[in-house]
């Protein structure tokens, strides 16, 4: 089976230091396996999209020496695929409308647990048996089976989560009408034949629900690796929403070396991206052999 990896940024702005770490790790992992590296634009949340950001991201990747294989896929061109999967789940009685607001869910979690469980606000199943009188549907949720789901992350090691208990029935179509990330990413990875996912550790807790959904839809589950996040001086993850500065690709080597160090390696002796990758790919293959 040929290795197929991917980098899937949201075109809400140019790349910053945190997104470069993820791009570099996924690119090196694919090249170390003599595999393919795809790029996908996750542009479902149209209100947050920035005009021209997709082309800026592609230009930045090329300036850093990361060339992709095949065409760039846009989620906005795949809406009918999400609808088809949604319809299939509906025929299986897997879906139900939910009238709960975020505030109501938060209040319910607090009343049950006394505090928010770390990393999640598990949905209590308020609308699982039907909408209460006078309530209208805001979103659509999928009925999750009880039981542990386990997997091995290539960076973080063995993981296990009971999605039913720790997450609850999660949203597949949001209150604003957009398809949820959890549904789109599962379908997109399957459609592109992705065998290995390399992404940031902020998405580690999403993996179990995505693998569960893939099983329900009869899809394969890729191998996963979640690399450390880049955080600012206040301990907050670098992100476009938090005002992370765009990288300046006029001098790509300091950017690549900084991302490489963040992934636990020492600087390589290189003055061009091509020289950098010649050594970095070998070192990556020696430490993270794809499985």
C-alpha atoms as a PDB file:
ATOM      1  CA  UNK A   1       0.000   0.000   0.000  1.00  0.00           C
ATOM      2  CA  UNK A   2       1.437   3.349  -1.040  1.00  0.00           C
ATOM      3  CA  UNK A   3       1.741   6.016   1.621  1.00  0.00           C
ATOM      4  CA  UNK A   4      -0.556   9.002   1.030  1.00  0.00           C
ATOM      5  CA  UNK A   5      -0.341  11.929   3.442  1.00  0.00           C
ATOM      6  CA  UNK A   6      -1.871  15.376   3.477  1.00  0.00           C
ATOM      7  CA  UNK A   7      -1.700  18.921   4.792  1.00  0.00           C
ATOM      8  CA  UNK A   8      -5.129  20.507   5.259  1.00  0.00           C
ATOM      9  CA  UNK A   9      -4.999  24.195   6.215  1.00  0.00           C
ATOM     10  CA  UNK A  10      -7.976  26.513   6.532  1.00  0.00           C
ATOM     11  CA  UNK A  11      -7.594  29.531   4.202  1.00  0.00           C
ATOM     12  CA  UNK A  12      -8.375  32.040   6.929  1.00  0.00           C
ATOM     13  CA  UNK A  13      -4.983  33.702   6.549  1.00  0.00           C
ATOM     14  CA  UNK A  14      -1.353  32.942   5.620  1.00  0.00           C
ATOM     15  CA  UNK A  15       0.798  30.310   7.303  1.00  0.00           C
ATOM     16  CA  UNK A  16       2.348  31.107  10.680  1.00  0.00           C
ATOM     17  CA  UNK A  17       5.054  29.334  12.698  1.00  0.00           C
ATOM     18  CA  UNK A  18       2.608  26.804  14.156  1.00  0.00           C
ATOM     19  CA  UNK A  19       1.147  25.745  10.829  1.00  0.00           C
ATOM     20  CA  UNK A  20       4.647  25.452   9.340  1.00  0.00           C
ATOM     21  CA  UNK A  21       5.527  22.836  11.981  1.00  0.00           C
ATOM     22  CA  UNK A  22       2.534  20.725  10.961  1.00  0.00           C
ATOM     23  CA  UNK A  23       3.216  21.196   7.247  1.00  0.00           C
ATOM     24  CA  UNK A  24       6.870  20.265   7.671  1.00  0.00           C
ATOM     25  CA  UNK A  25       6.138  17.159   9.742  1.00  0.00           C
ATOM     26  CA  UNK A  26       3.525  15.875   7.321  1.00  0.00           C
ATOM     27  CA  UNK A  27       5.720  16.651   4.292  1.00  0.00           C
ATOM     28  CA  UNK A  28       8.772  14.906   5.758  1.00  0.00           C
ATOM     29  CA  UNK A  29       6.735  11.887   6.806  1.00  0.00           C
ATOM     30  CA  UNK A  30       5.426  11.461   3.260  1.00  0.00           C
ATOM     31  CA  UNK A  31       8.790  11.954   1.593  1.00  0.00           C
ATOM     32  CA  UNK A  32      10.539   9.640   4.080  1.00  0.00           C
ATOM     33  CA  UNK A  33       8.109   6.921   2.993  1.00  0.00           C
ATOM     34  CA  UNK A  34       8.528   7.708  -0.717  1.00  0.00           C
ATOM     35  CA  UNK A  35       4.844   8.519  -0.639  1.00  0.00           C
ATOM     36  CA  UNK A  36       2.452  11.152  -1.920  1.00  0.00           C
ATOM     37  CA  UNK A  37       1.725  14.434  -0.143  1.00  0.00           C
ATOM     38  CA  UNK A  38      -1.635  16.044  -0.822  1.00  0.00           C
ATOM     39  CA  UNK A  39      -2.863  19.539   0.016  1.00  0.00           C
ATOM     40  CA  UNK A  40      -6.509  20.169   0.864  1.00  0.00           C
ATOM     41  CA  UNK A  41      -8.136  23.518   1.651  1.00  0.00           C
ATOM     42  CA  UNK A  42     -10.645  23.224   4.485  1.00  0.00           C
ATOM     43  CA  UNK A  43     -12.869  26.116   3.475  1.00  0.00           C
ATOM     44  CA  UNK A  44     -16.302  25.138   4.803  1.00  0.00           C
ATOM     45  CA  UNK A  45     -16.549  27.949   7.347  1.00  0.00           C
ATOM     46  CA  UNK A  46     -17.148  30.630   4.728  1.00  0.00           C
ATOM     47  CA  UNK A  47     -17.551  33.464   7.254  1.00  0.00           C
ATOM     48  CA  UNK A  48     -13.929  33.020   8.362  1.00  0.00           C
ATOM     49  CA  UNK A  49     -12.363  32.599   4.923  1.00  0.00           C
ATOM     50  CA  UNK A  50     -10.011  35.334   3.709  1.00  0.00           C
ATOM     51  CA  UNK A  51      -9.976  36.190   0.023  1.00  0.00           C
ATOM     52  CA  UNK A  52      -6.750  35.002  -1.589  1.00  0.00           C
ATOM     53  CA  UNK A  53      -5.472  33.207   1.519  1.00  0.00           C
ATOM     54  CA  UNK A  54      -5.496  29.855  -0.275  1.00  0.00           C
ATOM     55  CA  UNK A  55      -3.113  31.099  -2.959  1.00  0.00           C
ATOM     56  CA  UNK A  56      -0.926  32.767  -0.338  1.00  0.00           C
ATOM     57  CA  UNK A  57      -0.627  29.460   1.548  1.00  0.00           C
ATOM     58  CA  UNK A  58       0.297  27.589  -1.623  1.00  0.00           C
ATOM     59  CA  UNK A  59       2.928  30.191  -2.490  1.00  0.00           C
ATOM     60  CA  UNK A  60       4.370  29.957   1.027  1.00  0.00           C
ATOM     61  CA  UNK A  61       4.611  26.158   0.809  1.00  0.00           C
ATOM     62  CA  UNK A  62       6.451  26.372  -2.492  1.00  0.00           C
ATOM     63  CA  UNK A  63       8.801  29.047  -1.117  1.00  0.00           C
ATOM     64  CA  UNK A  64       9.620  26.644   1.739  1.00  0.00           C
ATOM     65  CA  UNK A  65      10.362  23.886  -0.762  1.00  0.00           C
ATOM     66  CA  UNK A  66       7.216  21.853  -0.081  1.00  0.00           C
ATOM     67  CA  UNK A  67       5.648  20.805  -3.376  1.00  0.00           C
ATOM     68  CA  UNK A  68       2.488  18.721  -3.307  1.00  0.00           C
ATOM     69  CA  UNK A  69       1.272  15.872  -5.469  1.00  0.00           C
ATOM     70  CA  UNK A  70      -1.879  16.112  -7.570  1.00  0.00           C
ATOM     71  CA  UNK A  71      -4.501  18.839  -7.526  1.00  0.00           C
ATOM     72  CA  UNK A  72      -5.431  20.885  -4.502  1.00  0.00           C
ATOM     73  CA  UNK A  73      -8.845  19.832  -3.190  1.00  0.00           C
ATOM     74  CA  UNK A  74     -11.345  22.321  -1.769  1.00  0.00           C
ATOM     75  CA  UNK A  75     -13.997  21.190   0.689  1.00  0.00           C
ATOM     76  CA  UNK A  76     -16.430  23.735  -0.739  1.00  0.00           C
ATOM     77  CA  UNK A  77     -16.498  21.660  -3.940  1.00  0.00           C
ATOM     78  CA  UNK A  78     -17.522  18.517  -2.059  1.00  0.00           C
ATOM     79  CA  UNK A  79     -20.797  19.561  -0.423  1.00  0.00           C
ATOM     80  CA  UNK A  80     -22.816  16.915  -2.257  1.00  0.00           C
ATOM     81  CA  UNK A  81     -20.544  14.199  -0.849  1.00  0.00           C
ATOM     82  CA  UNK A  82     -21.228  15.364   2.707  1.00  0.00           C
ATOM     83  CA  UNK A  83     -24.947  15.441   1.994  1.00  0.00           C
ATOM     84  CA  UNK A  84     -24.849  11.876   0.615  1.00  0.00           C
ATOM     85  CA  UNK A  85     -23.131  10.571   3.751  1.00  0.00           C
ATOM     86  CA  UNK A  86     -25.568  12.520   5.925  1.00  0.00           C
ATOM     87  CA  UNK A  87     -28.517  10.957   4.062  1.00  0.00           C
ATOM     88  CA  UNK A  88     -27.000   7.495   4.489  1.00  0.00           C
ATOM     89  CA  UNK A  89     -26.650   7.975   8.237  1.00  0.00           C
ATOM     90  CA  UNK A  90     -30.192   9.274   8.414  1.00  0.00           C
ATOM     91  CA  UNK A  91     -31.556   6.111   6.816  1.00  0.00           C
ATOM     92  CA  UNK A  92     -29.726   4.159   9.540  1.00  0.00           C
ATOM     93  CA  UNK A  93     -31.542   6.225  12.217  1.00  0.00           C
ATOM     94  CA  UNK A  94     -28.155   7.529  13.341  1.00  0.00           C
ATOM     95  CA  UNK A  95     -29.060  11.223  13.267  1.00  0.00           C
ATOM     96  CA  UNK A  96     -31.364  13.484  15.216  1.00  0.00           C
ATOM     97  CA  UNK A  97     -32.046  17.236  15.395  1.00  0.00           C
ATOM     98  CA  UNK A  98     -30.791  19.147  18.438  1.00  0.00           C
ATOM     99  CA  UNK A  99     -32.286  22.355  19.796  1.00  0.00           C
ATOM    100  CA  UNK A 100     -29.670  23.016  22.486  1.00  0.00           C
ATOM    101  CA  UNK A 101     -27.572  26.169  22.565  1.00  0.00           C
ATOM    102  CA  UNK A 102     -23.920  26.143  23.611  1.00  0.00           C
ATOM    103  CA  UNK A 103     -24.862  27.906  26.843  1.00  0.00           C
ATOM    104  CA  UNK A 104     -27.460  25.276  27.670  1.00  0.00           C
ATOM    105  CA  UNK A 105     -24.993  22.463  27.028  1.00  0.00           C
ATOM    106  CA  UNK A 106     -22.359  24.173  29.185  1.00  0.00           C
ATOM    107  CA  UNK A 107     -24.871  24.658  32.025  1.00  0.00           C
ATOM    108  CA  UNK A 108     -25.878  21.002  31.805  1.00  0.00           C
ATOM    109  CA  UNK A 109     -22.244  19.843  31.934  1.00  0.00           C
ATOM    110  CA  UNK A 110     -21.590  22.028  34.974  1.00  0.00           C
ATOM    111  CA  UNK A 111     -24.662  20.736  36.781  1.00  0.00           C
ATOM    112  CA  UNK A 112     -23.620  17.133  36.134  1.00  0.00           C
ATOM    113  CA  UNK A 113     -19.883  17.344  36.745  1.00  0.00           C
ATOM    114  CA  UNK A 114     -19.425  20.474  38.845  1.00  0.00           C
ATOM    115  CA  UNK A 115     -16.721  21.565  36.389  1.00  0.00           C
ATOM    116  CA  UNK A 116     -15.844  21.132  32.749  1.00  0.00           C
ATOM    117  CA  UNK A 117     -14.051  17.809  32.084  1.00  0.00           C
ATOM    118  CA  UNK A 118     -10.598  18.482  30.649  1.00  0.00           C
ATOM    119  CA  UNK A 119     -10.712  19.017  26.896  1.00  0.00           C
ATOM    120  CA  UNK A 120     -14.389  18.228  26.323  1.00  0.00           C
ATOM    121  CA  UNK A 121     -17.920  19.335  27.114  1.00  0.00           C
ATOM    122  CA  UNK A 122     -19.769  16.026  26.645  1.00  0.00           C
ATOM    123  CA  UNK A 123     -23.239  16.429  25.206  1.00  0.00           C
ATOM    124  CA  UNK A 124     -25.743  15.080  27.763  1.00  0.00           C
ATOM    125  CA  UNK A 125     -28.173  13.673  25.197  1.00  0.00           C
ATOM    126  CA  UNK A 126     -30.912  16.200  25.904  1.00  0.00           C
ATOM    127  CA  UNK A 127     -32.532  15.859  22.456  1.00  0.00           C
ATOM    128  CA  UNK A 128     -31.656  12.210  21.827  1.00  0.00           C
ATOM    129  CA  UNK A 129     -35.269  11.058  22.285  1.00  0.00           C
ATOM    130  CA  UNK A 130     -36.731  13.997  20.381  1.00  0.00           C
ATOM    131  CA  UNK A 131     -37.046  17.769  20.603  1.00  0.00           C
ATOM    132  CA  UNK A 132     -38.917  19.127  23.593  1.00  0.00           C
ATOM    133  CA  UNK A 133     -42.212  20.890  22.807  1.00  0.00           C
ATOM    134  CA  UNK A 134     -41.640  24.373  21.487  1.00  0.00           C
ATOM    135  CA  UNK A 135     -37.990  23.757  20.603  1.00  0.00           C
ATOM    136  CA  UNK A 136     -36.660  24.057  17.052  1.00  0.00           C
ATOM    137  CA  UNK A 137     -33.696  22.241  15.567  1.00  0.00           C
ATOM    138  CA  UNK A 138     -30.384  24.108  15.605  1.00  0.00           C
ATOM    139  CA  UNK A 139     -27.998  21.337  14.569  1.00  0.00           C
ATOM    140  CA  UNK A 140     -27.928  17.628  13.741  1.00  0.00           C
ATOM    141  CA  UNK A 141     -26.127  15.072  15.894  1.00  0.00           C
ATOM    142  CA  UNK A 142     -25.064  11.471  15.359  1.00  0.00           C
ATOM    143  CA  UNK A 143     -25.972   8.751  17.868  1.00  0.00           C
ATOM    144  CA  UNK A 144     -22.725   7.367  19.265  1.00  0.00           C
ATOM    145  CA  UNK A 145     -22.389   3.794  20.528  1.00  0.00           C
ATOM    146  CA  UNK A 146     -21.050   3.145  24.009  1.00  0.00           C
ATOM    147  CA  UNK A 147     -17.630   1.498  24.333  1.00  0.00           C
ATOM    148  CA  UNK A 148     -13.930   2.310  24.256  1.00  0.00           C
ATOM    149  CA  UNK A 149     -12.136   3.064  21.007  1.00  0.00           C
ATOM    150  CA  UNK A 150      -8.363   2.589  21.107  1.00  0.00           C
ATOM    151  CA  UNK A 151      -5.580   3.473  18.685  1.00  0.00           C
ATOM    152  CA  UNK A 152      -1.838   4.066  18.718  1.00  0.00           C
ATOM    153  CA  UNK A 153      -0.605   7.537  17.895  1.00  0.00           C
ATOM    154  CA  UNK A 154       2.860   7.537  16.341  1.00  0.00           C
ATOM    155  CA  UNK A 155       3.950  10.485  18.476  1.00  0.00           C
ATOM    156  CA  UNK A 156       1.797  10.289  21.605  1.00  0.00           C
ATOM    157  CA  UNK A 157       1.560   6.511  21.971  1.00  0.00           C
ATOM    158  CA  UNK A 158      -1.498   4.381  22.916  1.00  0.00           C
ATOM    159  CA  UNK A 159      -4.779   6.294  23.233  1.00  0.00           C
ATOM    160  CA  UNK A 160      -8.269   5.266  24.287  1.00  0.00           C
ATOM    161  CA  UNK A 161     -11.546   7.147  24.530  1.00  0.00           C
ATOM    162  CA  UNK A 162     -15.160   6.242  25.168  1.00  0.00           C
ATOM    163  CA  UNK A 163     -16.701   8.696  22.737  1.00  0.00           C
ATOM    164  CA  UNK A 164     -20.221   8.101  24.034  1.00  0.00           C
ATOM    165  CA  UNK A 165     -19.260   9.022  27.586  1.00  0.00           C
ATOM    166  CA  UNK A 166     -16.466  11.539  27.059  1.00  0.00           C
ATOM    167  CA  UNK A 167     -17.830  13.410  24.034  1.00  0.00           C
ATOM    168  CA  UNK A 168     -21.413  12.337  23.569  1.00  0.00           C
ATOM    169  CA  UNK A 169     -23.433  12.524  20.378  1.00  0.00           C
ATOM    170  CA  UNK A 170     -21.491  15.033  18.309  1.00  0.00           C
ATOM    171  CA  UNK A 171     -22.608  17.505  15.662  1.00  0.00           C
ATOM    172  CA  UNK A 172     -22.423  16.634  11.957  1.00  0.00           C
ATOM    173  CA  UNK A 173     -24.335  19.659  10.682  1.00  0.00           C
ATOM    174  CA  UNK A 174     -23.952  22.900  12.564  1.00  0.00           C
ATOM    175  CA  UNK A 175     -26.606  25.387  13.590  1.00  0.00           C
ATOM    176  CA  UNK A 176     -25.365  27.795  10.883  1.00  0.00           C
ATOM    177  CA  UNK A 177     -25.980  25.136   8.230  1.00  0.00           C
ATOM    178  CA  UNK A 178     -22.306  24.332   7.599  1.00  0.00           C
ATOM    179  CA  UNK A 179     -21.078  20.762   7.619  1.00  0.00           C
ATOM    180  CA  UNK A 180     -19.075  19.955  10.723  1.00  0.00           C
ATOM    181  CA  UNK A 181     -15.333  19.361  10.544  1.00  0.00           C
ATOM    182  CA  UNK A 182     -15.702  15.864  12.017  1.00  0.00           C
ATOM    183  CA  UNK A 183     -17.817  14.665   9.094  1.00  0.00           C
ATOM    184  CA  UNK A 184     -15.945  16.483   6.350  1.00  0.00           C
ATOM    185  CA  UNK A 185     -12.465  15.386   7.382  1.00  0.00           C
ATOM    186  CA  UNK A 186     -13.438  11.704   7.535  1.00  0.00           C
ATOM    187  CA  UNK A 187     -15.013  11.782   4.084  1.00  0.00           C
ATOM    188  CA  UNK A 188     -12.219  13.879   2.558  1.00  0.00           C
ATOM    189  CA  UNK A 189      -9.457  11.612   3.837  1.00  0.00           C
ATOM    190  CA  UNK A 190     -11.256   8.578   2.456  1.00  0.00           C
ATOM    191  CA  UNK A 191     -11.891  10.226  -0.915  1.00  0.00           C
ATOM    192  CA  UNK A 192      -8.211  11.179  -1.257  1.00  0.00           C
ATOM    193  CA  UNK A 193      -7.012   7.743  -0.169  1.00  0.00           C
ATOM    194  CA  UNK A 194      -5.133   9.165   2.825  1.00  0.00           C
ATOM    195  CA  UNK A 195      -3.229   6.432   4.664  1.00  0.00           C
ATOM    196  CA  UNK A 196      -1.319   8.577   7.181  1.00  0.00           C
ATOM    197  CA  UNK A 197      -2.403  11.748   8.990  1.00  0.00           C
ATOM    198  CA  UNK A 198       0.147  14.069  10.604  1.00  0.00           C
ATOM    199  CA  UNK A 199      -1.365  17.068  12.398  1.00  0.00           C
ATOM    200  CA  UNK A 200      -1.236  19.087  15.625  1.00  0.00           C
ATOM    201  CA  UNK A 201      -1.939  17.704  19.078  1.00  0.00           C
ATOM    202  CA  UNK A 202      -4.977  19.946  19.471  1.00  0.00           C
ATOM    203  CA  UNK A 203      -6.788  17.426  17.255  1.00  0.00           C
ATOM    204  CA  UNK A 204      -5.728  14.322  19.189  1.00  0.00           C
ATOM    205  CA  UNK A 205      -9.011  14.152  21.110  1.00  0.00           C
ATOM    206  CA  UNK A 206     -10.968  14.317  17.829  1.00  0.00           C
ATOM    207  CA  UNK A 207      -9.366  11.145  16.506  1.00  0.00           C
ATOM    208  CA  UNK A 208     -11.532   8.600  18.333  1.00  0.00           C
ATOM    209  CA  UNK A 209     -14.800  10.153  17.159  1.00  0.00           C
ATOM    210  CA  UNK A 210     -13.459  10.401  13.608  1.00  0.00           C
ATOM    211  CA  UNK A 211     -12.389   6.761  13.625  1.00  0.00           C
ATOM    212  CA  UNK A 212     -15.744   5.754  15.088  1.00  0.00           C
ATOM    213  CA  UNK A 213     -17.550   7.672  12.336  1.00  0.00           C
ATOM    214  CA  UNK A 214     -15.330   6.104   9.668  1.00  0.00           C
ATOM    215  CA  UNK A 215     -16.241   2.636  10.964  1.00  0.00           C
ATOM    216  CA  UNK A 216     -19.960   3.480  10.833  1.00  0.00           C
ATOM    217  CA  UNK A 217     -19.580   4.730   7.248  1.00  0.00           C
ATOM    218  CA  UNK A 218     -17.556   1.658   6.240  1.00  0.00           C
ATOM    219  CA  UNK A 219     -14.345   3.619   5.598  1.00  0.00           C
ATOM    220  CA  UNK A 220     -10.716   2.851   6.393  1.00  0.00           C
ATOM    221  CA  UNK A 221      -9.002   4.669   9.272  1.00  0.00           C
ATOM    222  CA  UNK A 222      -5.600   6.215   8.520  1.00  0.00           C
ATOM    223  CA  UNK A 223      -2.580   5.949  10.807  1.00  0.00           C
ATOM    224  CA  UNK A 224      -2.223   9.078  12.938  1.00  0.00           C
ATOM    225  CA  UNK A 225       0.592  11.209  14.361  1.00  0.00           C
ATOM    226  CA  UNK A 226      -0.090  14.332  16.421  1.00  0.00           C
ATOM    227  CA  UNK A 227       2.922  16.634  16.746  1.00  0.00           C
ATOM    228  CA  UNK A 228       3.499  19.231  19.503  1.00  0.00           C
ATOM    229  CA  UNK A 229       1.827  22.615  19.163  1.00  0.00           C
ATOM    230  CA  UNK A 230       3.705  25.886  18.993  1.00  0.00           C
ATOM    231  CA  UNK A 231       2.557  28.108  21.854  1.00  0.00           C
ATOM    232  CA  UNK A 232       3.099  31.775  22.633  1.00  0.00           C
ATOM    233  CA  UNK A 233       4.591  33.337  25.766  1.00  0.00           C
ATOM    234  CA  UNK A 234       1.213  33.053  27.510  1.00  0.00           C
ATOM    235  CA  UNK A 235       0.959  29.331  26.859  1.00  0.00           C
ATOM    236  CA  UNK A 236      -1.680  29.779  24.156  1.00  0.00           C
ATOM    237  CA  UNK A 237      -1.545  27.866  20.878  1.00  0.00           C
ATOM    238  CA  UNK A 238      -0.367  29.971  17.944  1.00  0.00           C
ATOM    239  CA  UNK A 239      -3.282  30.417  15.568  1.00  0.00           C
ATOM    240  CA  UNK A 240      -4.670  32.898  13.087  1.00  0.00           C
ATOM    241  CA  UNK A 241      -7.575  33.554  15.447  1.00  0.00           C
ATOM    242  CA  UNK A 242      -5.078  34.549  18.155  1.00  0.00           C
ATOM    243  CA  UNK A 243      -3.243  36.921  15.848  1.00  0.00           C
ATOM    244  CA  UNK A 244      -0.222  34.756  15.004  1.00  0.00           C
ATOM    245  CA  UNK A 245       2.098  36.563  12.618  1.00  0.00           C
ATOM    246  CA  UNK A 246       2.468  35.343   9.052  1.00  0.00           C
ATOM    247  CA  UNK A 247       5.842  33.882   8.142  1.00  0.00           C
ATOM    248  CA  UNK A 248       8.138  35.815   5.803  1.00  0.00           C
ATOM    249  CA  UNK A 249       9.332  33.340   3.188  1.00  0.00           C
ATOM    250  CA  UNK A 250      11.939  35.673   1.659  1.00  0.00           C
ATOM    251  CA  UNK A 251      14.452  33.848   3.878  1.00  0.00           C
ATOM    252  CA  UNK A 252      13.064  30.302   4.277  1.00  0.00           C
ATOM    253  CA  UNK A 253      15.955  28.653   6.128  1.00  0.00           C
ATOM    254  CA  UNK A 254      15.394  30.203   9.597  1.00  0.00           C
ATOM    255  CA  UNK A 255      11.718  29.228   9.336  1.00  0.00           C
ATOM    256  CA  UNK A 256      12.532  25.621   8.424  1.00  0.00           C
ATOM    257  CA  UNK A 257      15.234  25.301  11.075  1.00  0.00           C
ATOM    258  CA  UNK A 258      12.918  26.672  13.790  1.00  0.00           C
ATOM    259  CA  UNK A 259      10.163  24.219  12.846  1.00  0.00           C
ATOM    260  CA  UNK A 260      12.717  21.396  12.711  1.00  0.00           C
ATOM    261  CA  UNK A 261      13.961  22.235  16.206  1.00  0.00           C
ATOM    262  CA  UNK A 262      10.401  22.307  17.507  1.00  0.00           C
ATOM    263  CA  UNK A 263      10.028  18.726  16.275  1.00  0.00           C
ATOM    264  CA  UNK A 264      12.990  17.684  18.414  1.00  0.00           C
ATOM    265  CA  UNK A 265      15.901  17.783  15.991  1.00  0.00           C
ATOM    266  CA  UNK A 266      19.133  19.756  15.831  1.00  0.00           C
ATOM    267  CA  UNK A 267      19.757  22.258  13.042  1.00  0.00           C
ATOM    268  CA  UNK A 268      21.047  20.751   9.825  1.00  0.00           C
ATOM    269  CA  UNK A 269      23.910  22.233   7.849  1.00  0.00           C
ATOM    270  CA  UNK A 270      22.092  23.624   4.839  1.00  0.00           C
ATOM    271  CA  UNK A 271      21.821  26.921   3.014  1.00  0.00           C
ATOM    272  CA  UNK A 272      18.868  26.058   0.746  1.00  0.00           C
ATOM    273  CA  UNK A 273      15.588  24.186   1.273  1.00  0.00           C
ATOM    274  CA  UNK A 274      16.749  21.445  -1.108  1.00  0.00           C
ATOM    275  CA  UNK A 275      19.859  20.835   1.011  1.00  0.00           C
ATOM    276  CA  UNK A 276      17.754  20.946   4.150  1.00  0.00           C
ATOM    277  CA  UNK A 277      15.321  18.290   2.925  1.00  0.00           C
ATOM    278  CA  UNK A 278      18.092  16.014   1.700  1.00  0.00           C
ATOM    279  CA  UNK A 279      19.244  15.634   5.303  1.00  0.00           C
ATOM    280  CA  UNK A 280      15.959  16.133   7.148  1.00  0.00           C
ATOM    281  CA  UNK A 281      14.145  13.383   5.262  1.00  0.00           C
ATOM    282  CA  UNK A 282      16.857  10.869   6.195  1.00  0.00           C
ATOM    283  CA  UNK A 283      16.818  11.903   9.855  1.00  0.00           C
ATOM    284  CA  UNK A 284      13.027  11.789   9.978  1.00  0.00           C
ATOM    285  CA  UNK A 285      12.973   8.313   8.407  1.00  0.00           C
ATOM    286  CA  UNK A 286      15.470   7.143  11.000  1.00  0.00           C
ATOM    287  CA  UNK A 287      13.291   8.292  13.915  1.00  0.00           C
ATOM    288  CA  UNK A 288       9.722   7.998  12.587  1.00  0.00           C
ATOM    289  CA  UNK A 289       9.471   5.089  10.219  1.00  0.00           C
ATOM    290  CA  UNK A 290       5.904   5.126   8.839  1.00  0.00           C
ATOM    291  CA  UNK A 291       3.845   2.070   9.809  1.00  0.00           C
END
